Amino acid sequence: VARVRSWLDSGISPGELGVSARFNKNCDKAVQRLKAAGIPASRLRGDV
């Protein structure tokens, strides 16, 4: 959360940031933690 916030504060838009993990469960936890911190986050799934 601290690293993502620092990137956002430097002027980078949220859609230009990616968070990657080996497992889906880690991705879900990352989305939950980012949203809880007020940072918009979205799961990347398929071609949707």
All heavy atoms as atom14 arrays in JSON, in Angstrom:
{
  "sequence": "VARVRSWLDSGISPGELGVSARFNKNCDKAVQRLKAAGIPASRLRGDV",
  "atom14_mask": [
    [1, 1, 1, 1, 1, 1, 1, 0, 0, 0, 0, 0, 0, 0],
    [1, 1, 1, 1, 1, 0, 0, 0, 0, 0, 0, 0, 0, 0],
    [1, 1, 1, 1, 1, 1, 1, 1, 1, 1, 1, 0, 0, 0],
    [1, 1, 1, 1, 1, 1, 1, 0, 0, 0, 0, 0, 0, 0],
    [1, 1, 1, 1, 1, 1, 1, 1, 1, 1, 1, 0, 0, 0],
    [1, 1, 1, 1, 1, 1, 0, 0, 0, 0, 0, 0, 0, 0],
    [1, 1, 1, 1, 1, 1, 1, 1, 1, 1, 1, 1, 1, 1],
    [1, 1, 1, 1, 1, 1, 1, 1, 0, 0, 0, 0, 0, 0],
    [1, 1, 1, 1, 1, 1, 1, 1, 0, 0, 0, 0, 0, 0],
    [1, 1, 1, 1, 1, 1, 0, 0, 0, 0, 0, 0, 0, 0],
    [1, 1, 1, 1, 0, 0, 0, 0, 0, 0, 0, 0, 0, 0],
    [1, 1, 1, 1, 1, 1, 1, 1, 0, 0, 0, 0, 0, 0],
    [1, 1, 1, 1, 1, 1, 0, 0, 0, 0, 0, 0, 0, 0],
    [1, 1, 1, 1, 1, 1, 1, 0, 0, 0, 0, 0, 0, 0],
    [1, 1, 1, 1, 0, 0, 0, 0, 0, 0, 0, 0, 0, 0],
    [1, 1, 1, 1, 1, 1, 1, 1, 1, 0, 0, 0, 0, 0],
    [1, 1, 1, 1, 1, 1, 1, 1, 0, 0, 0, 0, 0, 0],
    [1, 1, 1, 1, 0, 0, 0, 0, 0, 0, 0, 0, 0, 0],
    [1, 1, 1, 1, 1, 1, 1, 0, 0, 0, 0, 0, 0, 0],
    [1, 1, 1, 1, 1, 1, 0, 0, 0, 0, 0, 0, 0, 0],
    [1, 1, 1, 1, 1, 0, 0, 0, 0, 0, 0, 0, 0, 0],
    [1, 1, 1, 1, 1, 1, 1, 1, 1, 1, 1, 0, 0, 0],
    [1, 1, 1, 1, 1, 1, 1, 1, 1, 1, 1, 0, 0, 0],
    [1, 1, 1, 1, 1, 1, 1, 1, 0, 0, 0, 0, 0, 0],
    [1, 1, 1, 1, 1, 1, 1, 1, 1, 0, 0, 0, 0, 0],
    [1, 1, 1, 1, 1, 1, 1, 1, 0, 0, 0, 0, 0, 0],
    [1, 1, 1, 1, 1, 1, 0, 0, 0, 0, 0, 0, 0, 0],
    [1, 1, 1, 1, 1, 1, 1, 1, 0, 0, 0, 0, 0, 0],
    [1, 1, 1, 1, 1, 1, 1, 1, 1, 0, 0, 0, 0, 0],
    [1, 1, 1, 1, 1, 0, 0, 0, 0, 0, 0, 0, 0, 0],
    [1, 1, 1, 1, 1, 1, 1, 0, 0, 0, 0, 0, 0, 0],
    [1, 1, 1, 1, 1, 1, 1, 1, 1, 0, 0, 0, 0, 0],
    [1, 1, 1, 1, 1, 1, 1, 1, 1, 1, 1, 0, 0, 0],
    [1, 1, 1, 1, 1, 1, 1, 1, 0, 0, 0, 0, 0, 0],
    [1, 1, 1, 1, 1, 1, 1, 1, 1, 0, 0, 0, 0, 0],
    [1, 1, 1, 1, 1, 0, 0, 0, 0, 0, 0, 0, 0, 0],
    [1, 1, 1, 1, 1, 0, 0, 0, 0, 0, 0, 0, 0, 0],
    [1, 1, 1, 1, 0, 0, 0, 0, 0, 0, 0, 0, 0, 0],
    [1, 1, 1, 1, 1, 1, 1, 1, 0, 0, 0, 0, 0, 0],
    [1, 1, 1, 1, 1, 1, 1, 0, 0, 0, 0, 0, 0, 0],
    [1, 1, 1, 1, 1, 0, 0, 0, 0, 0, 0, 0, 0, 0],
    [1, 1, 1, 1, 1, 1, 0, 0, 0, 0, 0, 0, 0, 0],
    [1, 1, 1, 1, 1, 1, 1, 1, 1, 1, 1, 0, 0, 0],
    [1, 1, 1, 1, 1, 1, 1, 1, 0, 0, 0, 0, 0, 0],
    [1, 1, 1, 1, 1, 1, 1, 1, 1, 1, 1, 0, 0, 0],
    [1, 1, 1, 1, 0, 0, 0, 0, 0, 0, 0, 0, 0, 0],
    [1, 1, 1, 1, 1, 1, 1, 1, 0, 0, 0, 0, 0, 0],
    [1, 1, 1, 1, 1, 1, 1, 0, 0, 0, 0, 0, 0, 0]
  ],
  "atom14_positions": [
    [[0.84, -1.2, 0.0], [0.0, 0.0, 0.0], [0.87, 1.25, 0.0], [0.61, 2.21, -0.74], [-0.94, 0.0, 1.22], [-1.64, 1.35, 1.36], [-1.97, -1.12, 1.1], [0.0, 0.0, 0.0], [0.0, 0.0, 0.0], [0.0, 0.0, 0.0], [0.0, 0.0, 0.0], [0.0, 0.0, 0.0], [0.0, 0.0, 0.0], [0.0, 0.0, 0.0]],
    [[1.92, 1.25, 0.81], [2.82, 2.42, 0.88], [3.5, 2.66, -0.46], [3.63, 3.81, -0.9], [3.85, 2.21, 1.98], [0.0, 0.0, 0.0], [0.0, 0.0, 0.0], [0.0, 0.0, 0.0], [0.0, 0.0, 0.0], [0.0, 0.0, 0.0], [0.0, 0.0, 0.0], [0.0, 0.0, 0.0], [0.0, 0.0, 0.0], [0.0, 0.0, 0.0]],
    [[3.95, 1.59, -1.12], [4.63, 1.75, -2.4], [3.67, 2.25, -3.47], [3.99, 3.15, -4.24], [5.25, 0.4, -2.81], [5.82, 0.34, -4.23], [6.65, 1.52, -4.62], [7.82, 1.7, -3.78], [8.42, 2.86, -3.58], [7.93, 3.96, -4.16], [9.48, 2.95, -2.82], [0.0, 0.0, 0.0], [0.0, 0.0, 0.0], [0.0, 0.0, 0.0]],
    [[2.47, 1.67, -3.54], [1.49, 2.1, -4.53], [1.11, 3.57, -4.3], [1.01, 4.36, -5.24], [0.24, 1.2, -4.5], [-0.88, 1.8, -5.35], [0.59, -0.2, -4.99], [0.0, 0.0, 0.0], [0.0, 0.0, 0.0], [0.0, 0.0, 0.0], [0.0, 0.0, 0.0], [0.0, 0.0, 0.0], [0.0, 0.0, 0.0], [0.0, 0.0, 0.0]],
    [[0.93, 3.93, -3.05], [0.58, 5.32, -2.74], [1.7, 6.28, -3.17], [1.45, 7.37, -3.69], [0.28, 5.49, -1.25], [-0.42, 6.82, -0.94], [-0.75, 6.94, 0.53], [-1.67, 5.9, 0.99], [-2.98, 5.92, 0.77], [-3.5, 6.9, 0.05], [-3.75, 4.97, 1.22], [0.0, 0.0, 0.0], [0.0, 0.0, 0.0], [0.0, 0.0, 0.0]],
    [[2.94, 5.87, -2.97], [4.06, 6.74, -3.37], [4.1, 6.91, -4.88], [4.41, 8.0, -5.39], [5.38, 6.18, -2.86], [5.75, 5.01, -3.57], [0.0, 0.0, 0.0], [0.0, 0.0, 0.0], [0.0, 0.0, 0.0], [0.0, 0.0, 0.0], [0.0, 0.0, 0.0], [0.0, 0.0, 0.0], [0.0, 0.0, 0.0], [0.0, 0.0, 0.0]],
    [[3.77, 5.84, -5.63], [3.71, 5.96, -7.09], [2.59, 6.9, -7.51], [2.76, 7.73, -8.39], [3.5, 4.58, -7.72], [4.74, 3.73, -7.75], [6.04, 4.17, -7.78], [4.81, 2.3, -7.76], [6.9, 3.09, -7.81], [6.18, 1.94, -7.81], [3.85, 1.29, -7.74], [6.61, 0.61, -7.84], [4.27, -0.04, -7.76], [5.64, -0.37, -7.81]],
    [[1.43, 6.79, -6.86], [0.31, 7.67, -7.17], [0.65, 9.12, -6.85], [0.33, 10.03, -7.61], [-0.94, 7.23, -6.4], [-1.52, 5.86, -6.77], [-2.63, 5.48, -5.81], [-2.04, 5.87, -8.2], [0.0, 0.0, 0.0], [0.0, 0.0, 0.0], [0.0, 0.0, 0.0], [0.0, 0.0, 0.0], [0.0, 0.0, 0.0], [0.0, 0.0, 0.0]],
    [[1.31, 9.33, -5.72], [1.68, 10.69, -5.31], [2.68, 11.32, -6.28], [2.78, 12.55, -6.36], [2.27, 10.68, -3.9], [1.23, 10.37, -2.83], [0.02, 10.46, -3.15], [1.62, 10.02, -1.7], [0.0, 0.0, 0.0], [0.0, 0.0, 0.0], [0.0, 0.0, 0.0], [0.0, 0.0, 0.0], [0.0, 0.0, 0.0], [0.0, 0.0, 0.0]],
    [[3.42, 10.47, -7.02], [4.39, 11.01, -7.98], [3.75, 11.4, -9.3], [4.43, 11.86, -10.22], [5.5, 9.97, -8.24], [5.0, 8.87, -8.99], [0.0, 0.0, 0.0], [0.0, 0.0, 0.0], [0.0, 0.0, 0.0], [0.0, 0.0, 0.0], [0.0, 0.0, 0.0], [0.0, 0.0, 0.0], [0.0, 0.0, 0.0], [0.0, 0.0, 0.0]],
    [[2.42, 11.22, -9.41], [1.71, 11.64, -10.61], [1.31, 10.52, -11.54], [0.73, 10.77, -12.6], [0.0, 0.0, 0.0], [0.0, 0.0, 0.0], [0.0, 0.0, 0.0], [0.0, 0.0, 0.0], [0.0, 0.0, 0.0], [0.0, 0.0, 0.0], [0.0, 0.0, 0.0], [0.0, 0.0, 0.0], [0.0, 0.0, 0.0], [0.0, 0.0, 0.0]],
    [[1.61, 9.26, -11.18], [1.24, 8.12, -12.02], [-0.23, 7.78, -11.77], [-0.68, 7.74, -10.62], [2.14, 6.91, -11.72], [3.61, 7.27, -11.97], [1.73, 5.71, -12.56], [4.58, 6.19, -11.55], [0.0, 0.0, 0.0], [0.0, 0.0, 0.0], [0.0, 0.0, 0.0], [0.0, 0.0, 0.0], [0.0, 0.0, 0.0], [0.0, 0.0, 0.0]],
    [[-0.98, 7.54, -12.82], [-2.39, 7.22, -12.67], [-2.57, 5.78, -12.21], [-1.72, 4.92, -12.5], [-3.14, 7.45, -13.98], [-2.67, 6.55, -14.98], [0.0, 0.0, 0.0], [0.0, 0.0, 0.0], [0.0, 0.0, 0.0], [0.0, 0.0, 0.0], [0.0, 0.0, 0.0], [0.0, 0.0, 0.0], [0.0, 0.0, 0.0], [0.0, 0.0, 0.0]],
    [[-3.67, 5.47, -11.5], [-3.87, 4.1, -10.99], [-3.82, 3.03, -12.07], [-3.26, 1.94, -11.87], [-5.25, 4.18, -10.34], [-5.42, 5.61, -9.97], [-4.73, 6.38, -11.06], [0.0, 0.0, 0.0], [0.0, 0.0, 0.0], [0.0, 0.0, 0.0], [0.0, 0.0, 0.0], [0.0, 0.0, 0.0], [0.0, 0.0, 0.0], [0.0, 0.0, 0.0]],
    [[-4.41, 3.33, -13.26], [-4.45, 2.33, -14.32], [-3.1, 1.98, -14.9], [-2.98, 1.01, -15.66], [0.0, 0.0, 0.0], [0.0, 0.0, 0.0], [0.0, 0.0, 0.0], [0.0, 0.0, 0.0], [0.0, 0.0, 0.0], [0.0, 0.0, 0.0], [0.0, 0.0, 0.0], [0.0, 0.0, 0.0], [0.0, 0.0, 0.0], [0.0, 0.0, 0.0]],
    [[-2.06, 2.77, -14.58], [-0.72, 2.5, -15.08], [0.09, 1.66, -14.11], [1.27, 1.39, -14.35], [0.02, 3.81, -15.34], [-0.58, 4.65, -16.44], [0.17, 5.95, -16.65], [0.26, 6.75, -15.69], [0.68, 6.17, -17.76], [0.0, 0.0, 0.0], [0.0, 0.0, 0.0], [0.0, 0.0, 0.0], [0.0, 0.0, 0.0], [0.0, 0.0, 0.0]],
    [[-0.55, 1.23, -13.02], [0.12, 0.44, -12.0], [-0.4, -0.99, -12.01], [-1.6, -1.23, -12.17], [-0.1, 1.04, -10.61], [0.35, 2.49, -10.42], [0.03, 2.95, -9.0], [1.84, 2.62, -10.69], [0.0, 0.0, 0.0], [0.0, 0.0, 0.0], [0.0, 0.0, 0.0], [0.0, 0.0, 0.0], [0.0, 0.0, 0.0], [0.0, 0.0, 0.0]],
    [[0.51, -1.95, -11.84], [0.13, -3.35, -11.79], [0.64, -4.02, -10.53], [1.74, -3.7, -10.06], [0.0, 0.0, 0.0], [0.0, 0.0, 0.0], [0.0, 0.0, 0.0], [0.0, 0.0, 0.0], [0.0, 0.0, 0.0], [0.0, 0.0, 0.0], [0.0, 0.0, 0.0], [0.0, 0.0, 0.0], [0.0, 0.0, 0.0], [0.0, 0.0, 0.0]],
    [[-0.15, -4.93, -10.0], [0.26, -5.74, -8.84], [0.08, -7.2, -9.24], [-1.01, -7.6, -9.68], [-0.57, -5.42, -7.58], [-0.17, -6.35, -6.44], [-0.4, -3.97, -7.17], [0.0, 0.0, 0.0], [0.0, 0.0, 0.0], [0.0, 0.0, 0.0], [0.0, 0.0, 0.0], [0.0, 0.0, 0.0], [0.0, 0.0, 0.0], [0.0, 0.0, 0.0]],
    [[1.13, -7.99, -9.11], [1.08, -9.38, -9.56], [1.51, -10.33, -8.45], [2.39, -10.01, -7.65], [2.0, -9.56, -10.78], [1.9, -10.87, -11.3], [0.0, 0.0, 0.0], [0.0, 0.0, 0.0], [0.0, 0.0, 0.0], [0.0, 0.0, 0.0], [0.0, 0.0, 0.0], [0.0, 0.0, 0.0], [0.0, 0.0, 0.0], [0.0, 0.0, 0.0]],
    [[0.87, -11.51, -8.42], [1.21, -12.53, -7.43], [1.07, -13.9, -8.08], [0.43, -14.05, -9.13], [0.29, -12.42, -6.21], [0.0, 0.0, 0.0], [0.0, 0.0, 0.0], [0.0, 0.0, 0.0], [0.0, 0.0, 0.0], [0.0, 0.0, 0.0], [0.0, 0.0, 0.0], [0.0, 0.0, 0.0], [0.0, 0.0, 0.0], [0.0, 0.0, 0.0]],
    [[1.64, -14.9, -7.46], [1.6, -16.27, -8.01], [0.2, -16.85, -7.92], [-0.22, -17.6, -8.81], [2.6, -17.15, -7.24], [2.63, -18.63, -7.67], [3.16, -18.75, -9.08], [3.37, -20.14, -9.48], [2.41, -20.94, -9.95], [1.17, -20.5, -10.05], [2.68, -22.18, -10.31], [0.0, 0.0, 0.0], [0.0, 0.0, 0.0], [0.0, 0.0, 0.0]],
    [[-0.56, -16.5, -6.87], [-1.84, -17.15, -6.61], [-2.99, -16.14, -6.57], [-2.81, -14.98, -6.2], [-1.8, -17.92, -5.29], [-0.65, -18.87, -5.16], [0.33, -18.66, -4.21], [-0.55, -19.96, -6.0], [1.4, -19.53, -4.09], [0.52, -20.84, -5.89], [1.5, -20.63, -4.93], [0.0, 0.0, 0.0], [0.0, 0.0, 0.0], [0.0, 0.0, 0.0]],
    [[-4.18, -16.63, -6.91], [-5.38, -15.78, -6.87], [-5.66, -15.25, -5.47], [-6.09, -14.11, -5.31], [-6.59, -16.57, -7.38], [-6.66, -16.62, -8.89], [-6.66, -15.59, -9.56], [-6.71, -17.83, -9.43], [0.0, 0.0, 0.0], [0.0, 0.0, 0.0], [0.0, 0.0, 0.0], [0.0, 0.0, 0.0], [0.0, 0.0, 0.0], [0.0, 0.0, 0.0]],
    [[-5.41, -16.07, -4.46], [-5.72, -15.64, -3.1], [-4.9, -14.42, -2.7], [-5.39, -13.52, -2.02], [-5.5, -16.79, -2.11], [-4.05, -17.27, -2.01], [-3.9, -18.38, -0.98], [-2.44, -18.82, -0.86], [-2.27, -19.91, 0.14], [0.0, 0.0, 0.0], [0.0, 0.0, 0.0], [0.0, 0.0, 0.0], [0.0, 0.0, 0.0], [0.0, 0.0, 0.0]],
    [[-3.65, -14.36, -3.14], [-2.81, -13.19, -2.85], [-3.33, -11.96, -3.6], [-3.28, -10.84, -3.07], [-1.36, -13.45, -3.23], [-0.74, -14.57, -2.41], [-0.89, -15.74, -2.76], [-0.06, -14.23, -1.33], [0.0, 0.0, 0.0], [0.0, 0.0, 0.0], [0.0, 0.0, 0.0], [0.0, 0.0, 0.0], [0.0, 0.0, 0.0], [0.0, 0.0, 0.0]],
    [[-3.8, -12.17, -4.82], [-4.36, -11.06, -5.59], [-5.6, -10.5, -4.9], [-5.77, -9.28, -4.81], [-4.71, -11.53, -7.0], [-3.29, -11.99, -8.02], [0.0, 0.0, 0.0], [0.0, 0.0, 0.0], [0.0, 0.0, 0.0], [0.0, 0.0, 0.0], [0.0, 0.0, 0.0], [0.0, 0.0, 0.0], [0.0, 0.0, 0.0], [0.0, 0.0, 0.0]],
    [[-6.46, -11.39, -4.42], [-7.68, -10.94, -3.74], [-7.35, -10.15, -2.48], [-7.97, -9.11, -2.2], [-8.56, -12.14, -3.39], [-9.13, -12.83, -4.63], [-9.23, -12.17, -5.68], [-9.46, -14.03, -4.54], [0.0, 0.0, 0.0], [0.0, 0.0, 0.0], [0.0, 0.0, 0.0], [0.0, 0.0, 0.0], [0.0, 0.0, 0.0], [0.0, 0.0, 0.0]],
    [[-6.36, -10.61, -1.74], [-5.96, -9.89, -0.52], [-5.38, -8.51, -0.87], [-5.62, -7.53, -0.15], [-4.93, -10.71, 0.26], [-5.49, -11.97, 0.9], [-4.41, -12.76, 1.62], [-4.97, -14.04, 2.24], [-3.92, -14.85, 2.91], [0.0, 0.0, 0.0], [0.0, 0.0, 0.0], [0.0, 0.0, 0.0], [0.0, 0.0, 0.0], [0.0, 0.0, 0.0]],
    [[-4.63, -8.45, -1.96], [-4.05, -7.17, -2.36], [-5.15, -6.18, -2.75], [-5.09, -5.0, -2.37], [-3.09, -7.38, -3.53], [0.0, 0.0, 0.0], [0.0, 0.0, 0.0], [0.0, 0.0, 0.0], [0.0, 0.0, 0.0], [0.0, 0.0, 0.0], [0.0, 0.0, 0.0], [0.0, 0.0, 0.0], [0.0, 0.0, 0.0], [0.0, 0.0, 0.0]],
    [[-6.16, -6.65, -3.5], [-7.27, -5.77, -3.88], [-7.99, -5.26, -2.64], [-8.3, -4.06, -2.51], [-8.25, -6.51, -4.81], [-9.53, -5.7, -5.01], [-7.6, -6.79, -6.15], [0.0, 0.0, 0.0], [0.0, 0.0, 0.0], [0.0, 0.0, 0.0], [0.0, 0.0, 0.0], [0.0, 0.0, 0.0], [0.0, 0.0, 0.0], [0.0, 0.0, 0.0]],
    [[-8.27, -6.16, -1.7], [-8.97, -5.77, -0.48], [-8.18, -4.73, 0.31], [-8.74, -3.74, 0.79], [-9.24, -7.01, 0.39], [-10.23, -7.99, -0.23], [-10.31, -9.29, 0.54], [-9.7, -9.45, 1.6], [-11.04, -10.25, 0.0], [0.0, 0.0, 0.0], [0.0, 0.0, 0.0], [0.0, 0.0, 0.0], [0.0, 0.0, 0.0], [0.0, 0.0, 0.0]],
    [[-6.88, -4.95, 0.44], [-6.06, -4.03, 1.24], [-5.94, -2.67, 0.56], [-6.0, -1.63, 1.22], [-4.68, -4.63, 1.47], [-3.78, -3.8, 2.38], [-4.39, -3.64, 3.79], [-4.5, -4.9, 4.45], [-3.53, -5.42, 5.22], [-2.4, -4.75, 5.41], [-3.71, -6.58, 5.8], [0.0, 0.0, 0.0], [0.0, 0.0, 0.0], [0.0, 0.0, 0.0]],
    [[-5.78, -2.66, -0.77], [-5.68, -1.4, -1.5], [-6.98, -0.61, -1.4], [-6.98, 0.61, -1.15], [-5.32, -1.65, -2.96], [-3.89, -2.15, -3.23], [-3.75, -2.61, -4.67], [-2.87, -1.06, -2.93], [0.0, 0.0, 0.0], [0.0, 0.0, 0.0], [0.0, 0.0, 0.0], [0.0, 0.0, 0.0], [0.0, 0.0, 0.0], [0.0, 0.0, 0.0]],
    [[-8.11, -1.3, -1.58], [-9.41, -0.61, -1.49], [-9.65, -0.08, -0.08], [-10.19, 1.02, 0.1], [-10.53, -1.57, -1.89], [-10.6, -1.84, -3.39], [-11.79, -2.72, -3.72], [-11.96, -2.88, -5.23], [-13.12, -3.75, -5.57], [0.0, 0.0, 0.0], [0.0, 0.0, 0.0], [0.0, 0.0, 0.0], [0.0, 0.0, 0.0], [0.0, 0.0, 0.0]],
    [[-9.24, -0.86, 0.93], [-9.41, -0.41, 2.32], [-8.61, 0.85, 2.59], [-8.98, 1.66, 3.45], [-8.99, -1.53, 3.28], [0.0, 0.0, 0.0], [0.0, 0.0, 0.0], [0.0, 0.0, 0.0], [0.0, 0.0, 0.0], [0.0, 0.0, 0.0], [0.0, 0.0, 0.0], [0.0, 0.0, 0.0], [0.0, 0.0, 0.0], [0.0, 0.0, 0.0]],
    [[-7.53, 1.03, 1.83], [-6.69, 2.22, 2.0], [-7.16, 3.37, 1.11], [-6.49, 4.41, 1.02], [-5.24, 1.87, 1.68], [0.0, 0.0, 0.0], [0.0, 0.0, 0.0], [0.0, 0.0, 0.0], [0.0, 0.0, 0.0], [0.0, 0.0, 0.0], [0.0, 0.0, 0.0], [0.0, 0.0, 0.0], [0.0, 0.0, 0.0], [0.0, 0.0, 0.0]],
    [[-8.29, 3.18, 0.43], [-8.82, 4.23, -0.42], [-8.21, 4.29, -1.81], [-8.35, 5.3, -2.52], [0.0, 0.0, 0.0], [0.0, 0.0, 0.0], [0.0, 0.0, 0.0], [0.0, 0.0, 0.0], [0.0, 0.0, 0.0], [0.0, 0.0, 0.0], [0.0, 0.0, 0.0], [0.0, 0.0, 0.0], [0.0, 0.0, 0.0], [0.0, 0.0, 0.0]],
    [[-7.52, 3.22, -2.21], [-6.87, 3.17, -3.53], [-7.71, 2.29, -4.44], [-7.96, 1.13, -4.13], [-5.45, 2.6, -3.41], [-4.58, 3.51, -2.53], [-4.82, 2.45, -4.8], [-3.21, 2.93, -2.22], [0.0, 0.0, 0.0], [0.0, 0.0, 0.0], [0.0, 0.0, 0.0], [0.0, 0.0, 0.0], [0.0, 0.0, 0.0], [0.0, 0.0, 0.0]],
    [[-8.19, 2.81, -5.58], [-8.99, 1.98, -6.49], [-8.17, 0.82, -7.04], [-7.04, 1.0, -7.48], [-9.4, 2.96, -7.6], [-8.36, 4.03, -7.57], [-7.95, 4.16, -6.12], [0.0, 0.0, 0.0], [0.0, 0.0, 0.0], [0.0, 0.0, 0.0], [0.0, 0.0, 0.0], [0.0, 0.0, 0.0], [0.0, 0.0, 0.0], [0.0, 0.0, 0.0]],
    [[-8.74, -0.38, -6.99], [-8.03, -1.57, -7.46], [-9.03, -2.5, -8.13], [-10.19, -2.58, -7.72], [-7.33, -2.28, -6.31], [0.0, 0.0, 0.0], [0.0, 0.0, 0.0], [0.0, 0.0, 0.0], [0.0, 0.0, 0.0], [0.0, 0.0, 0.0], [0.0, 0.0, 0.0], [0.0, 0.0, 0.0], [0.0, 0.0, 0.0], [0.0, 0.0, 0.0]],
    [[-8.57, -3.22, -9.16], [-9.45, -4.09, -9.93], [-8.71, -5.36, -10.31], [-7.54, -5.32, -10.68], [-9.93, -3.35, -11.19], [-10.7, -4.2, -12.02], [0.0, 0.0, 0.0], [0.0, 0.0, 0.0], [0.0, 0.0, 0.0], [0.0, 0.0, 0.0], [0.0, 0.0, 0.0], [0.0, 0.0, 0.0], [0.0, 0.0, 0.0], [0.0, 0.0, 0.0]],
    [[-9.42, -6.5, -10.23], [-8.83, -7.77, -10.63], [-8.78, -7.86, -12.15], [-9.72, -7.48, -12.84], [-9.64, -8.95, -10.09], [-9.35, -9.34, -8.65], [-7.9, -9.73, -8.42], [-7.44, -10.76, -9.32], [-7.52, -12.06, -9.06], [-8.07, -12.48, -7.95], [-7.05, -12.93, -9.92], [0.0, 0.0, 0.0], [0.0, 0.0, 0.0], [0.0, 0.0, 0.0]],
    [[-7.7, -8.37, -12.66], [-7.49, -8.57, -14.09], [-7.88, -10.0, -14.41], [-7.22, -10.95, -14.0], [-6.02, -8.32, -14.44], [-5.62, -8.27, -15.9], [-6.28, -7.08, -16.58], [-4.11, -8.15, -16.02], [0.0, 0.0, 0.0], [0.0, 0.0, 0.0], [0.0, 0.0, 0.0], [0.0, 0.0, 0.0], [0.0, 0.0, 0.0], [0.0, 0.0, 0.0]],
    [[-8.99, -10.16, -15.16], [-9.48, -11.5, -15.44], [-9.86, -11.63, -16.91], [-10.63, -10.83, -17.43], [-10.72, -11.81, -14.6], [-10.47, -11.86, -13.1], [-11.74, -12.24, -12.36], [-11.63, -12.17, -10.92], [-11.12, -13.13, -10.16], [-10.68, -14.23, -10.73], [-11.05, -13.0, -8.85], [0.0, 0.0, 0.0], [0.0, 0.0, 0.0], [0.0, 0.0, 0.0]],
    [[-9.29, -12.63, -17.58], [-9.65, -12.92, -18.96], [-9.48, -11.73, -19.87], [-8.62, -10.88, -19.67], [0.0, 0.0, 0.0], [0.0, 0.0, 0.0], [0.0, 0.0, 0.0], [0.0, 0.0, 0.0], [0.0, 0.0, 0.0], [0.0, 0.0, 0.0], [0.0, 0.0, 0.0], [0.0, 0.0, 0.0], [0.0, 0.0, 0.0], [0.0, 0.0, 0.0]],
    [[-10.36, -11.66, -20.9], [-10.27, -10.55, -21.83], [-11.33, -9.49, -21.55], [-11.61, -8.63, -22.37], [-10.4, -11.03, -23.28], [-11.74, -11.7, -23.54], [-12.46, -11.96, -22.57], [-12.06, -11.95, -24.72], [0.0, 0.0, 0.0], [0.0, 0.0, 0.0], [0.0, 0.0, 0.0], [0.0, 0.0, 0.0], [0.0, 0.0, 0.0], [0.0, 0.0, 0.0]],
    [[-11.94, -9.57, -20.34], [-12.9, -8.54, -19.94], [-12.13, -7.33, -19.46], [-11.31, -7.42, -18.55], [-13.81, -9.06, -18.81], [-14.8, -7.98, -18.4], [-14.55, -10.32, -19.25], [0.0, 0.0, 0.0], [0.0, 0.0, 0.0], [0.0, 0.0, 0.0], [0.0, 0.0, 0.0], [0.0, 0.0, 0.0], [0.0, 0.0, 0.0], [0.0, 0.0, 0.0]]
  ]
}
